[in-house]
Amino acid sequence: MGMQIGSGSSSADPEVMIEMNMTPLIDVMLVLIIMLIITIPIQNHSVNLNMPTNTPSKPTEPPVVVNIDVDFDGTVLWNGVAVASRAELESKLTEVASNPNQPEVHLRPNAVVPYKSVAAVMAAAQRLGVTKIGMVG
């Protein structure tokens, strides 16, 4: 609190002016804010996990792949070699299906081949028990 005695007043009693000095309050608040900023722990954006260690296993060997191409006229190619008949195709698919570790069969039809030719190969593979078959574009 402060008092101000004005020379412009003609009365005998001095007029009391009440104003709070804000400078010490602001200084104390700034010191408290700085102390708060310093004492806040640093936020890490990572999560620390204790992961189990693994002994490196033997590298897996790549799977055996059989490519079946269906040409524009319906000709079926087994790994690039033309298959003479549906019976020969089915015997090869039976051999693939009887394998305990079946090779992957990649069916690659030509863009203009009729769907019935592709569907016949897929139906034969499914009927004979080939489980690892996929379309390759």
Protein backbone atom coordinates (compact mmCIF):
# COMPACT_ATOMS: atom_id res chain seq x y z
CA MET A 1 0.00 0.00 0.00
CA GLY A 2 1.17 3.40 -0.74
CA MET A 3 0.21 6.92 0.12
CA GLN A 4 0.34 9.82 -2.15
CA ILE A 5 0.25 13.32 -0.95
CA GLY A 6 -0.86 15.59 -3.67
CA SER A 7 0.19 19.22 -3.84
CA GLY A 8 -2.86 20.11 -5.89
CA SER A 9 -5.29 19.50 -3.09
CA SER A 10 -6.30 22.46 -0.94
CA SER A 11 -7.80 20.45 1.89
CA ALA A 12 -5.85 19.89 5.07
CA ASP A 13 -6.25 16.10 5.04
CA PRO A 14 -4.08 14.36 2.48
CA GLU A 15 -5.99 12.04 0.13
CA VAL A 16 -4.99 8.39 0.48
CA MET A 17 -4.52 6.50 -2.82
CA ILE A 18 -4.66 2.76 -2.43
CA GLU A 19 -2.93 0.76 -5.20
CA MET A 20 -1.31 -2.64 -4.96
CA ASN A 21 2.22 -2.91 -6.29
CA MET A 22 1.99 -5.74 -8.86
CA THR A 23 5.73 -6.07 -9.58
CA PRO A 24 6.62 -8.36 -6.63
CA LEU A 25 3.57 -10.53 -7.33
CA ILE A 26 4.54 -10.95 -10.98
CA ASP A 27 8.15 -11.72 -10.01
CA VAL A 28 7.05 -14.42 -7.57
CA MET A 29 4.69 -15.94 -10.17
CA LEU A 30 7.45 -16.02 -12.80
CA VAL A 31 9.82 -17.75 -10.37
CA LEU A 32 7.14 -20.35 -9.54
CA ILE A 33 6.43 -21.00 -13.24
CA ILE A 34 10.15 -21.46 -13.97
CA MET A 35 10.52 -23.86 -11.03
CA LEU A 36 7.48 -25.82 -12.26
CA ILE A 37 8.91 -26.08 -15.79
CA ILE A 38 12.28 -27.27 -14.47
CA THR A 39 10.82 -29.91 -12.17
CA ILE A 40 8.38 -31.50 -14.67
CA PRO A 41 9.87 -34.80 -15.89
CA ILE A 42 10.77 -35.12 -19.55
CA GLN A 43 8.08 -36.96 -21.52
CA ASN A 44 9.42 -39.79 -23.62
CA HIS A 45 7.30 -40.87 -26.56
CA SER A 46 8.62 -44.39 -26.48
CA VAL A 47 7.62 -47.43 -24.51
CA ASN A 48 10.45 -49.47 -23.11
CA LEU A 49 9.80 -53.19 -23.42
CA ASN A 50 11.90 -56.08 -22.32
CA MET A 51 11.76 -58.31 -25.37
CA PRO A 52 12.88 -61.91 -25.12
CA THR A 53 16.01 -62.81 -26.96
CA ASN A 54 15.80 -65.51 -29.58
CA THR A 55 18.50 -67.73 -30.90
CA PRO A 56 18.67 -67.44 -34.66
CA SER A 57 17.05 -70.41 -36.29
CA LYS A 58 18.09 -71.96 -39.54
CA PRO A 59 16.96 -69.96 -42.54
CA THR A 60 13.80 -71.28 -44.10
CA GLU A 61 14.19 -72.58 -47.58
CA PRO A 62 12.03 -71.01 -50.26
CA PRO A 63 8.94 -73.03 -51.20
CA VAL A 64 8.79 -75.08 -54.37
CA VAL A 65 6.66 -73.27 -56.95
CA VAL A 66 4.73 -74.90 -59.78
CA ASN A 67 3.62 -72.48 -62.50
CA ILE A 68 0.48 -73.39 -64.44
CA ASP A 69 -0.11 -71.09 -67.40
CA VAL A 70 -3.38 -71.05 -69.31
CA ASP A 71 -2.78 -69.68 -72.81
CA PHE A 72 -5.24 -67.61 -74.84
CA ASP A 73 -6.59 -70.69 -76.65
CA GLY A 74 -7.03 -72.77 -73.47
CA THR A 75 -3.70 -74.62 -73.71
CA VAL A 76 -2.39 -75.52 -70.25
CA LEU A 77 1.36 -75.22 -69.61
CA TRP A 78 2.97 -76.94 -66.58
CA ASN A 79 6.20 -75.03 -65.76
CA GLY A 80 6.41 -73.92 -69.40
CA VAL A 81 5.76 -77.39 -70.89
CA ALA A 82 2.44 -77.97 -72.65
CA VAL A 83 0.14 -80.53 -71.02
CA ALA A 84 -1.34 -82.86 -73.66
CA SER A 85 -4.66 -83.68 -71.96
CA ARG A 86 -6.79 -83.05 -68.88
CA ALA A 87 -5.89 -86.53 -67.61
CA GLU A 88 -2.19 -85.64 -67.63
CA LEU A 89 -2.94 -82.36 -65.82
CA GLU A 90 -4.96 -84.22 -63.20
CA SER A 91 -2.19 -86.79 -62.69
CA LYS A 92 0.31 -83.98 -62.07
CA LEU A 93 -2.10 -82.25 -59.68
CA THR A 94 -2.64 -85.57 -57.86
CA GLU A 95 1.13 -85.87 -57.46
CA VAL A 96 1.29 -82.33 -56.02
CA ALA A 97 -1.63 -83.01 -53.65
CA SER A 98 -0.12 -86.27 -52.37
CA ASN A 99 3.05 -84.49 -51.29
CA PRO A 100 3.09 -83.94 -47.47
CA ASN A 101 4.71 -80.53 -48.01
CA GLN A 102 2.72 -79.30 -50.99
CA PRO A 103 4.44 -76.93 -53.40
CA GLU A 104 2.80 -73.62 -54.19
CA VAL A 105 0.78 -73.69 -57.39
CA HIS A 106 0.74 -70.36 -59.23
CA LEU A 107 -2.04 -70.18 -61.80
CA ARG A 108 -1.31 -67.55 -64.45
CA PRO A 109 -4.14 -67.19 -66.98
CA ASN A 110 -3.80 -65.13 -70.14
CA ALA A 111 -5.88 -61.95 -70.19
CA VAL A 112 -8.04 -63.08 -73.12
CA VAL A 113 -8.54 -66.74 -72.17
CA PRO A 114 -12.17 -67.82 -71.61
CA TYR A 115 -13.00 -68.19 -67.95
CA LYS A 116 -14.20 -71.77 -68.37
CA SER A 117 -10.61 -72.89 -69.13
CA VAL A 118 -9.29 -71.29 -65.94
CA ALA A 119 -12.25 -72.55 -63.89
CA ALA A 120 -11.62 -76.11 -65.13
CA VAL A 121 -8.02 -76.02 -63.86
CA MET A 122 -9.06 -74.53 -60.50
CA ALA A 123 -11.88 -77.07 -60.09
CA ALA A 124 -9.53 -79.96 -60.85
CA ALA A 125 -6.99 -78.65 -58.32
CA GLN A 126 -9.64 -78.25 -55.63
CA ARG A 127 -11.20 -81.66 -56.33
CA LEU A 128 -7.81 -83.39 -56.10
CA GLY A 129 -6.88 -81.70 -52.79
CA VAL A 130 -4.36 -79.00 -53.80
CA THR A 131 -4.44 -76.47 -50.97
CA LYS A 132 -1.71 -74.02 -51.91
CA ILE A 133 -3.01 -72.48 -55.12
CA GLY A 134 -3.05 -68.83 -56.05
CA MET A 135 -3.75 -66.59 -59.03
CA VAL A 136 -0.77 -64.63 -60.32
CA GLY A 137 -1.41 -61.66 -62.59
